[in-house]
mmCIF file of all heavy atoms, coordinates in Angstrom:
data_MODEL
# 
_entry.id   MODEL 
# 
loop_
_atom_site.group_PDB 
_atom_site.id 
_atom_site.type_symbol 
_atom_site.label_atom_id 
_atom_site.label_alt_id 
_atom_site.label_comp_id 
_atom_site.label_asym_id 
_atom_site.label_entity_id 
_atom_site.label_seq_id 
_atom_site.pdbx_PDB_ins_code 
_atom_site.Cartn_x 
_atom_site.Cartn_y 
_atom_site.Cartn_z 
_atom_site.occupancy 
_atom_site.B_iso_or_equiv 
_atom_site.pdbx_formal_charge 
_atom_site.auth_seq_id 
_atom_site.auth_comp_id 
_atom_site.auth_asym_id 
_atom_site.auth_atom_id 
_atom_site.pdbx_PDB_model_num 
ATOM 1   N N   . ARG A 1 1  ? 120.351 17.295 106.164 1.00 0.00 ? 1  ARG A N   1 
ATOM 2   C CA  . ARG A 1 1  ? 120.475 17.702 107.569 1.00 0.00 ? 1  ARG A CA  1 
ATOM 3   C C   . ARG A 1 1  ? 121.833 17.276 108.138 1.00 0.00 ? 1  ARG A C   1 
ATOM 4   O O   . ARG A 1 1  ? 122.501 18.061 108.831 1.00 0.00 ? 1  ARG A O   1 
ATOM 5   C CB  . ARG A 1 1  ? 119.345 17.067 108.383 1.00 0.00 ? 1  ARG A CB  1 
ATOM 6   C CG  . ARG A 1 1  ? 119.352 17.450 109.846 1.00 0.00 ? 1  ARG A CG  1 
ATOM 7   C CD  . ARG A 1 1  ? 118.177 16.779 110.556 1.00 0.00 ? 1  ARG A CD  1 
ATOM 8   N NE  . ARG A 1 1  ? 116.903 17.205 109.987 1.00 0.00 ? 1  ARG A NE  1 
ATOM 9   C CZ  . ARG A 1 1  ? 115.733 16.648 110.298 1.00 0.00 ? 1  ARG A CZ  1 
ATOM 10  N NH1 . ARG A 1 1  ? 115.694 15.630 111.147 1.00 0.00 ? 1  ARG A NH1 1 
ATOM 11  N NH2 . ARG A 1 1  ? 114.630 17.096 109.766 1.00 0.00 ? 1  ARG A NH2 1 
ATOM 12  N N   . ALA A 1 2  ? 122.260 16.048 107.814 1.00 0.00 ? 2  ALA A N   1 
ATOM 13  C CA  . ALA A 1 2  ? 123.550 15.556 108.305 1.00 0.00 ? 2  ALA A CA  1 
ATOM 14  C C   . ALA A 1 2  ? 124.708 16.347 107.703 1.00 0.00 ? 2  ALA A C   1 
ATOM 15  O O   . ALA A 1 2  ? 125.671 16.691 108.397 1.00 0.00 ? 2  ALA A O   1 
ATOM 16  C CB  . ALA A 1 2  ? 123.702 14.073 107.974 1.00 0.00 ? 2  ALA A CB  1 
ATOM 17  N N   . ILE A 1 3  ? 124.615 16.633 106.412 1.00 0.00 ? 3  ILE A N   1 
ATOM 18  C CA  . ILE A 1 3  ? 125.679 17.387 105.745 1.00 0.00 ? 3  ILE A CA  1 
ATOM 19  C C   . ILE A 1 3  ? 125.808 18.781 106.347 1.00 0.00 ? 3  ILE A C   1 
ATOM 20  O O   . ILE A 1 3  ? 126.915 19.282 106.576 1.00 0.00 ? 3  ILE A O   1 
ATOM 21  C CB  . ILE A 1 3  ? 125.408 17.447 104.233 1.00 0.00 ? 3  ILE A CB  1 
ATOM 22  C CG1 . ILE A 1 3  ? 125.692 16.072 103.607 1.00 0.00 ? 3  ILE A CG1 1 
ATOM 23  C CG2 . ILE A 1 3  ? 126.254 18.526 103.558 1.00 0.00 ? 3  ILE A CG2 1 
ATOM 24  C CD1 . ILE A 1 3  ? 125.194 15.933 102.190 1.00 0.00 ? 3  ILE A CD1 1 
ATOM 25  N N   . LYS A 1 4  ? 124.685 19.415 106.637 1.00 0.00 ? 4  LYS A N   1 
ATOM 26  C CA  . LYS A 1 4  ? 124.716 20.732 107.283 1.00 0.00 ? 4  LYS A CA  1 
ATOM 27  C C   . LYS A 1 4  ? 125.461 20.654 108.613 1.00 0.00 ? 4  LYS A C   1 
ATOM 28  O O   . LYS A 1 4  ? 126.276 21.525 108.946 1.00 0.00 ? 4  LYS A O   1 
ATOM 29  C CB  . LYS A 1 4  ? 123.290 21.235 107.492 1.00 0.00 ? 4  LYS A CB  1 
ATOM 30  C CG  . LYS A 1 4  ? 123.183 22.634 108.088 1.00 0.00 ? 4  LYS A CG  1 
ATOM 31  C CD  . LYS A 1 4  ? 121.727 23.075 108.137 1.00 0.00 ? 4  LYS A CD  1 
ATOM 32  C CE  . LYS A 1 4  ? 121.605 24.502 108.654 1.00 0.00 ? 4  LYS A CE  1 
ATOM 33  N NZ  . LYS A 1 4  ? 121.939 24.615 110.080 1.00 0.00 ? 4  LYS A NZ  1 
ATOM 34  N N   . GLY A 1 5  ? 125.204 19.575 109.362 1.00 0.00 ? 5  GLY A N   1 
ATOM 35  C CA  . GLY A 1 5  ? 125.850 19.421 110.656 1.00 0.00 ? 5  GLY A CA  1 
ATOM 36  C C   . GLY A 1 5  ? 127.353 19.217 110.552 1.00 0.00 ? 5  GLY A C   1 
ATOM 37  O O   . GLY A 1 5  ? 128.118 19.786 111.338 1.00 0.00 ? 5  GLY A O   1 
ATOM 38  N N   . ILE A 1 6  ? 127.789 18.421 109.574 1.00 0.00 ? 6  ILE A N   1 
ATOM 39  C CA  . ILE A 1 6  ? 129.234 18.175 109.494 1.00 0.00 ? 6  ILE A CA  1 
ATOM 40  C C   . ILE A 1 6  ? 129.971 19.375 108.885 1.00 0.00 ? 6  ILE A C   1 
ATOM 41  O O   . ILE A 1 6  ? 131.153 19.586 109.190 1.00 0.00 ? 6  ILE A O   1 
ATOM 42  C CB  . ILE A 1 6  ? 129.573 16.859 108.764 1.00 0.00 ? 6  ILE A CB  1 
ATOM 43  C CG1 . ILE A 1 6  ? 129.154 16.880 107.309 1.00 0.00 ? 6  ILE A CG1 1 
ATOM 44  C CG2 . ILE A 1 6  ? 128.957 15.679 109.494 1.00 0.00 ? 6  ILE A CG2 1 
ATOM 45  C CD1 . ILE A 1 6  ? 129.551 15.615 106.561 1.00 0.00 ? 6  ILE A CD1 1 
ATOM 46  N N   . VAL A 1 7  ? 129.291 20.179 108.067 1.00 0.00 ? 7  VAL A N   1 
ATOM 47  C CA  . VAL A 1 7  ? 129.894 21.432 107.608 1.00 0.00 ? 7  VAL A CA  1 
ATOM 48  C C   . VAL A 1 7  ? 130.112 22.354 108.807 1.00 0.00 ? 7  VAL A C   1 
ATOM 49  O O   . VAL A 1 7  ? 131.175 22.979 108.949 1.00 0.00 ? 7  VAL A O   1 
ATOM 50  C CB  . VAL A 1 7  ? 129.009 22.112 106.542 1.00 0.00 ? 7  VAL A CB  1 
ATOM 51  C CG1 . VAL A 1 7  ? 129.484 23.543 106.285 1.00 0.00 ? 7  VAL A CG1 1 
ATOM 52  C CG2 . VAL A 1 7  ? 129.034 21.327 105.243 1.00 0.00 ? 7  VAL A CG2 1 
ATOM 53  N N   . GLU A 1 8  ? 129.119 22.409 109.681 1.00 0.00 ? 8  GLU A N   1 
ATOM 54  C CA  . GLU A 1 8  ? 129.238 23.243 110.877 1.00 0.00 ? 8  GLU A CA  1 
ATOM 55  C C   . GLU A 1 8  ? 130.345 22.750 111.802 1.00 0.00 ? 8  GLU A C   1 
ATOM 56  O O   . GLU A 1 8  ? 130.916 23.540 112.570 1.00 0.00 ? 8  GLU A O   1 
ATOM 57  C CB  . GLU A 1 8  ? 127.905 23.287 111.616 1.00 0.00 ? 8  GLU A CB  1 
ATOM 58  C CG  . GLU A 1 8  ? 126.825 24.053 110.852 1.00 0.00 ? 8  GLU A CG  1 
ATOM 59  C CD  . GLU A 1 8  ? 125.447 23.934 111.487 1.00 0.00 ? 8  GLU A CD  1 
ATOM 60  O OE1 . GLU A 1 8  ? 125.297 23.122 112.437 1.00 0.00 ? 8  GLU A OE1 1 
ATOM 61  O OE2 . GLU A 1 8  ? 124.517 24.641 111.033 1.00 0.00 ? 8  GLU A OE2 1 
ATOM 62  N N   . SER A 1 9  ? 130.681 21.454 111.714 1.00 0.00 ? 9  SER A N   1 
ATOM 63  C CA  . SER A 1 9  ? 131.756 20.907 112.549 1.00 0.00 ? 9  SER A CA  1 
ATOM 64  C C   . SER A 1 9  ? 133.140 21.184 111.972 1.00 0.00 ? 9  SER A C   1 
ATOM 65  O O   . SER A 1 9  ? 134.150 20.861 112.592 1.00 0.00 ? 9  SER A O   1 
ATOM 66  C CB  . SER A 1 9  ? 131.569 19.400 112.717 1.00 0.00 ? 9  SER A CB  1 
ATOM 67  O OG  . SER A 1 9  ? 131.932 18.704 111.527 1.00 0.00 ? 9  SER A OG  1 
ATOM 68  N N   . GLY A 1 10 ? 133.195 21.785 110.770 1.00 0.00 ? 10 GLY A N   1 
ATOM 69  C CA  . GLY A 1 10 ? 134.478 22.147 110.181 1.00 0.00 ? 10 GLY A CA  1 
ATOM 70  C C   . GLY A 1 10 ? 134.905 21.320 108.997 1.00 0.00 ? 10 GLY A C   1 
ATOM 71  O O   . GLY A 1 10 ? 136.006 21.507 108.466 1.00 0.00 ? 10 GLY A O   1 
ATOM 72  N N   . ALA A 1 11 ? 134.063 20.387 108.543 1.00 0.00 ? 11 ALA A N   1 
ATOM 73  C CA  . ALA A 1 11 ? 134.419 19.566 107.384 1.00 0.00 ? 11 ALA A CA  1 
ATOM 74  C C   . ALA A 1 11 ? 134.382 20.402 106.111 1.00 0.00 ? 11 ALA A C   1 
ATOM 75  O O   . ALA A 1 11 ? 133.531 21.280 105.942 1.00 0.00 ? 11 ALA A O   1 
ATOM 76  C CB  . ALA A 1 11 ? 133.464 18.382 107.261 1.00 0.00 ? 11 ALA A CB  1 
ATOM 77  N N   . THR A 1 12 ? 135.311 20.099 105.205 1.00 0.00 ? 12 THR A N   1 
ATOM 78  C CA  . THR A 1 12 ? 135.346 20.762 103.900 1.00 0.00 ? 12 THR A CA  1 
ATOM 79  C C   . THR A 1 12 ? 135.035 19.795 102.764 1.00 0.00 ? 12 THR A C   1 
ATOM 80  O O   . THR A 1 12 ? 134.685 20.229 101.669 1.00 0.00 ? 12 THR A O   1 
ATOM 81  C CB  . THR A 1 12 ? 136.729 21.376 103.636 1.00 0.00 ? 12 THR A CB  1 
ATOM 82  O OG1 . THR A 1 12 ? 137.729 20.332 103.674 1.00 0.00 ? 12 THR A OG1 1 
ATOM 83  C CG2 . THR A 1 12 ? 137.069 22.432 104.674 1.00 0.00 ? 12 THR A CG2 1 
ATOM 84  N N   . HIS A 1 13 ? 135.181 18.493 103.013 1.00 0.00 ? 13 HIS A N   1 
ATOM 85  C CA  . HIS A 1 13 ? 134.994 17.484 101.980 1.00 0.00 ? 13 HIS A CA  1 
ATOM 86  C C   . HIS A 1 13 ? 134.288 16.265 102.575 1.00 0.00 ? 13 HIS A C   1 
ATOM 87  O O   . HIS A 1 13 ? 134.348 16.023 103.785 1.00 0.00 ? 13 HIS A O   1 
ATOM 88  C CB  . HIS A 1 13 ? 136.329 17.022 101.391 1.00 0.00 ? 13 HIS A CB  1 
ATOM 89  C CG  . HIS A 1 13 ? 137.061 18.084 100.619 1.00 0.00 ? 13 HIS A CG  1 
ATOM 90  N ND1 . HIS A 1 13 ? 137.675 19.164 101.236 1.00 0.00 ? 13 HIS A ND1 1 
ATOM 91  C CD2 . HIS A 1 13 ? 137.289 18.220 99.269  1.00 0.00 ? 13 HIS A CD2 1 
ATOM 92  C CE1 . HIS A 1 13 ? 138.243 19.918 100.317 1.00 0.00 ? 13 HIS A CE1 1 
ATOM 93  N NE2 . HIS A 1 13 ? 138.027 19.373 99.123  1.00 0.00 ? 13 HIS A NE2 1 
ATOM 94  N N   . ILE A 1 14 ? 133.668 15.492 101.693 1.00 0.00 ? 14 ILE A N   1 
ATOM 95  C CA  . ILE A 1 14 ? 133.152 14.179 102.077 1.00 0.00 ? 14 ILE A CA  1 
ATOM 96  C C   . ILE A 1 14 ? 133.622 13.177 101.035 1.00 0.00 ? 14 ILE A C   1 
ATOM 97  O O   . ILE A 1 14 ? 133.569 13.447 99.827  1.00 0.00 ? 14 ILE A O   1 
ATOM 98  C CB  . ILE A 1 14 ? 131.617 14.167 102.229 1.00 0.00 ? 14 ILE A CB  1 
ATOM 99  C CG1 . ILE A 1 14 ? 131.135 12.797 102.707 1.00 0.00 ? 14 ILE A CG1 1 
ATOM 100 C CG2 . ILE A 1 14 ? 130.918 14.587 100.954 1.00 0.00 ? 14 ILE A CG2 1 
ATOM 101 C CD1 . ILE A 1 14 ? 129.688 12.779 103.173 1.00 0.00 ? 14 ILE A CD1 1 
ATOM 102 N N   . ALA A 1 15 ? 134.125 12.031 101.495 1.00 0.00 ? 15 ALA A N   1 
ATOM 103 C CA  . ALA A 1 15 ? 134.704 11.018 100.614 1.00 0.00 ? 15 ALA A CA  1 
ATOM 104 C C   . ALA A 1 15 ? 133.790 9.812  100.518 1.00 0.00 ? 15 ALA A C   1 
ATOM 105 O O   . ALA A 1 15 ? 133.107 9.454  101.492 1.00 0.00 ? 15 ALA A O   1 
ATOM 106 C CB  . ALA A 1 15 ? 136.081 10.592 101.119 1.00 0.00 ? 15 ALA A CB  1 
ATOM 107 N N   . PHE A 1 16 ? 133.814 9.181  99.341  1.00 0.00 ? 16 PHE A N   1 
ATOM 108 C CA  . PHE A 1 16 ? 133.006 7.996  99.070  1.00 0.00 ? 16 PHE A CA  1 
ATOM 109 C C   . PHE A 1 16 ? 133.901 6.896  98.493  1.00 0.00 ? 16 PHE A C   1 
ATOM 110 O O   . PHE A 1 16 ? 134.853 7.168  97.767  1.00 0.00 ? 16 PHE A O   1 
ATOM 111 C CB  . PHE A 1 16 ? 131.894 8.316  98.070  1.00 0.00 ? 16 PHE A CB  1 
ATOM 112 C CG  . PHE A 1 16 ? 130.978 9.429  98.492  1.00 0.00 ? 16 PHE A CG  1 
ATOM 113 C CD1 . PHE A 1 16 ? 131.217 10.739 98.095  1.00 0.00 ? 16 PHE A CD1 1 
ATOM 114 C CD2 . PHE A 1 16 ? 129.880 9.174  99.301  1.00 0.00 ? 16 PHE A CD2 1 
ATOM 115 C CE1 . PHE A 1 16 ? 130.372 11.771 98.473  1.00 0.00 ? 16 PHE A CE1 1 
ATOM 116 C CE2 . PHE A 1 16 ? 129.028 10.198 99.692  1.00 0.00 ? 16 PHE A CE2 1 
ATOM 117 C CZ  . PHE A 1 16 ? 129.278 11.508 99.281  1.00 0.00 ? 16 PHE A CZ  1 
ATOM 118 N N   . GLY A 1 17 ? 133.544 5.649  98.778  1.00 0.00 ? 17 GLY A N   1 
ATOM 119 C CA  . GLY A 1 17 ? 134.328 4.515  98.308  1.00 0.00 ? 17 GLY A CA  1 
ATOM 120 C C   . GLY A 1 17 ? 133.863 3.946  96.987  1.00 0.00 ? 17 GLY A C   1 
ATOM 121 O O   . GLY A 1 17 ? 134.076 2.759  96.731  1.00 0.00 ? 17 GLY A O   1 
ATOM 122 N N   . ASP A 1 18 ? 133.248 4.766  96.145  1.00 0.00 ? 18 ASP A N   1 
ATOM 123 C CA  . ASP A 1 18 ? 132.783 4.296  94.839  1.00 0.00 ? 18 ASP A CA  1 
ATOM 124 C C   . ASP A 1 18 ? 133.967 3.976  93.936  1.00 0.00 ? 18 ASP A C   1 
ATOM 125 O O   . ASP A 1 18 ? 135.019 4.618  94.000  1.00 0.00 ? 18 ASP A O   1 
ATOM 126 C CB  . ASP A 1 18 ? 131.901 5.355  94.181  1.00 0.00 ? 18 ASP A CB  1 
ATOM 127 C CG  . ASP A 1 18 ? 130.673 5.686  95.012  1.00 0.00 ? 18 ASP A CG  1 
ATOM 128 O OD1 . ASP A 1 18 ? 129.930 4.751  95.361  1.00 0.00 ? 18 ASP A OD1 1 
ATOM 129 O OD2 . ASP A 1 18 ? 130.476 6.875  95.325  1.00 0.00 ? 18 ASP A OD2 1 
ATOM 130 N N   . LEU A 1 19 ? 133.740 3.006  93.037  1.00 0.00 ? 19 LEU A N   1 
ATOM 131 C CA  . LEU A 1 19 ? 134.823 2.534  92.178  1.00 0.00 ? 19 LEU A CA  1 
ATOM 132 C C   . LEU A 1 19 ? 134.624 2.878  90.705  1.00 0.00 ? 19 LEU A C   1 
ATOM 133 O O   . LEU A 1 19 ? 135.525 3.404  90.064  1.00 0.00 ? 19 LEU A O   1 
ATOM 134 C CB  . LEU A 1 19 ? 134.986 1.023  92.337  1.00 0.00 ? 19 LEU A CB  1 
ATOM 135 C CG  . LEU A 1 19 ? 135.630 0.596  93.657  1.00 0.00 ? 19 LEU A CG  1 
ATOM 136 C CD1 . LEU A 1 19 ? 135.341 -0.860 93.969  1.00 0.00 ? 19 LEU A CD1 1 
ATOM 137 C CD2 . LEU A 1 19 ? 137.131 0.843  93.603  1.00 0.00 ? 19 LEU A CD2 1 
ATOM 138 N N   . PHE A 1 20 ? 133.445 2.569  90.149  1.00 0.00 ? 20 PHE A N   1 
ATOM 139 C CA  . PHE A 1 20 ? 133.290 2.866  88.729  1.00 0.00 ? 20 PHE A CA  1 
ATOM 140 C C   . PHE A 1 20 ? 131.858 3.146  88.279  1.00 0.00 ? 20 PHE A C   1 
ATOM 141 O O   . PHE A 1 20 ? 131.619 3.310  87.083  1.00 0.00 ? 20 PHE A O   1 
ATOM 142 C CB  . PHE A 1 20 ? 133.890 1.748  87.860  1.00 0.00 ? 20 PHE A CB  1 
ATOM 143 C CG  . PHE A 1 20 ? 133.291 0.375  88.087  1.00 0.00 ? 20 PHE A CG  1 
ATOM 144 C CD1 . PHE A 1 20 ? 131.993 0.071  87.702  1.00 0.00 ? 20 PHE A CD1 1 
ATOM 145 C CD2 . PHE A 1 20 ? 134.046 -0.631 88.670  1.00 0.00 ? 20 PHE A CD2 1 
ATOM 146 C CE1 . PHE A 1 20 ? 131.453 -1.184 87.903  1.00 0.00 ? 20 PHE A CE1 1 
ATOM 147 C CE2 . PHE A 1 20 ? 133.515 -1.894 88.872  1.00 0.00 ? 20 PHE A CE2 1 
ATOM 148 C CZ  . PHE A 1 20 ? 132.219 -2.177 88.484  1.00 0.00 ? 20 PHE A CZ  1 
ATOM 149 N N   . LEU A 1 21 ? 130.909 3.202  89.166  1.00 0.00 ? 21 LEU A N   1 
ATOM 150 C CA  . LEU A 1 21 ? 129.519 3.462  88.766  1.00 0.00 ? 21 LEU A CA  1 
ATOM 151 C C   . LEU A 1 21 ? 129.317 4.971  88.590  1.00 0.00 ? 21 LEU A C   1 
ATOM 152 O O   . LEU A 1 21 ? 129.114 5.713  89.554  1.00 0.00 ? 21 LEU A O   1 
ATOM 153 C CB  . LEU A 1 21 ? 128.550 2.900  89.793  1.00 0.00 ? 21 LEU A CB  1 
ATOM 154 C CG  . LEU A 1 21 ? 128.591 1.369  89.954  1.00 0.00 ? 21 LEU A CG  1 
ATOM 155 C CD1 . LEU A 1 21 ? 127.591 0.917  91.008  1.00 0.00 ? 21 LEU A CD1 1 
ATOM 156 C CD2 . LEU A 1 21 ? 128.317 0.674  88.627  1.00 0.00 ? 21 LEU A CD2 1 
ATOM 157 N N   . ALA A 1 22 ? 129.365 5.412  87.329  1.00 0.00 ? 22 ALA A N   1 
ATOM 158 C CA  . ALA A 1 22 ? 129.340 6.835  87.024  1.00 0.00 ? 22 ALA A CA  1 
ATOM 159 C C   . ALA A 1 22 ? 128.032 7.498  87.446  1.00 0.00 ? 22 ALA A C   1 
ATOM 160 O O   . ALA A 1 22 ? 128.025 8.663  87.859  1.00 0.00 ? 22 ALA A O   1 
ATOM 161 C CB  . ALA A 1 22 ? 129.584 7.057  85.537  1.00 0.00 ? 22 ALA A CB  1 
ATOM 162 N N   . ASP A 1 23 ? 126.910 6.772  87.360  1.00 0.00 ? 23 ASP A N   1 
ATOM 163 C CA  . ASP A 1 23 ? 125.626 7.378  87.730  1.00 0.00 ? 23 ASP A CA  1 
ATOM 164 C C   . ASP A 1 23 ? 125.555 7.653  89.229  1.00 0.00 ? 23 ASP A C   1 
ATOM 165 O O   . ASP A 1 23 ? 125.004 8.673  89.656  1.00 0.00 ? 23 ASP A O   1 
ATOM 166 C CB  . ASP A 1 23 ? 124.463 6.494  87.273  1.00 0.00 ? 23 ASP A CB  1 
ATOM 167 C CG  . ASP A 1 23 ? 124.553 5.072  87.801  1.00 0.00 ? 23 ASP A CG  1 
ATOM 168 O OD1 . ASP A 1 23 ? 125.668 4.629  88.168  1.00 0.00 ? 23 ASP A OD1 1 
ATOM 169 O OD2 . ASP A 1 23 ? 123.512 4.382  87.843  1.00 0.00 ? 23 ASP A OD2 1 
ATOM 170 N N   . ILE A 1 24 ? 126.132 6.745  90.029  1.00 0.00 ? 24 ILE A N   1 
ATOM 171 C CA  . ILE A 1 24 ? 126.161 6.957  91.482  1.00 0.00 ? 24 ILE A CA  1 
ATOM 172 C C   . ILE A 1 24 ? 127.037 8.159  91.819  1.00 0.00 ? 24 ILE A C   1 
ATOM 173 O O   . ILE A 1 24 ? 126.680 9.013  92.639  1.00 0.00 ? 24 ILE A O   1 
ATOM 174 C CB  . ILE A 1 24 ? 126.666 5.701  92.213  1.00 0.00 ? 24 ILE A CB  1 
ATOM 175 C CG1 . ILE A 1 24 ? 125.732 4.521  91.961  1.00 0.00 ? 24 ILE A CG1 1 
ATOM 176 C CG2 . ILE A 1 24 ? 126.813 5.968  93.706  1.00 0.00 ? 24 ILE A CG2 1 
ATOM 177 C CD1 . ILE A 1 24 ? 124.333 4.705  92.499  1.00 0.00 ? 24 ILE A CD1 1 
ATOM 178 N N   . ARG A 1 25 ? 128.200 8.232  91.161  1.00 0.00 ? 25 ARG A N   1 
ATOM 179 C CA  . ARG A 1 25 ? 129.089 9.372  91.404  1.00 0.00 ? 25 ARG A CA  1 
ATOM 180 C C   . ARG A 1 25 ? 128.393 10.680 91.036  1.00 0.00 ? 25 ARG A C   1 
ATOM 181 O O   . ARG A 1 25 ? 128.451 11.661 91.799  1.00 0.00 ? 25 ARG A O   1 
ATOM 182 C CB  . ARG A 1 25 ? 130.380 9.201  90.604  1.00 0.00 ? 25 ARG A CB  1 
ATOM 183 C CG  . ARG A 1 25 ? 131.305 10.406 90.733  1.00 0.00 ? 25 ARG A CG  1 
ATOM 184 C CD  . ARG A 1 25 ? 132.654 10.177 90.087  1.00 0.00 ? 25 ARG A CD  1 
ATOM 185 N NE  . ARG A 1 25 ? 133.449 11.384 90.115  1.00 0.00 ? 25 ARG A NE  1 
ATOM 186 C CZ  . ARG A 1 25 ? 134.758 11.430 90.246  1.00 0.00 ? 25 ARG A CZ  1 
ATOM 187 N NH1 . ARG A 1 25 ? 135.445 10.300 90.352  1.00 0.00 ? 25 ARG A NH1 1 
ATOM 188 N NH2 . ARG A 1 25 ? 135.413 12.575 90.257  1.00 0.00 ? 25 ARG A NH2 1 
# 
């Protein structure tokens, strides 16, 4: 639901501060 809202606001990408946990990525 949140992602739908930020796409509607004009976002094209979402960034994450992950470092090396491949399963989380």
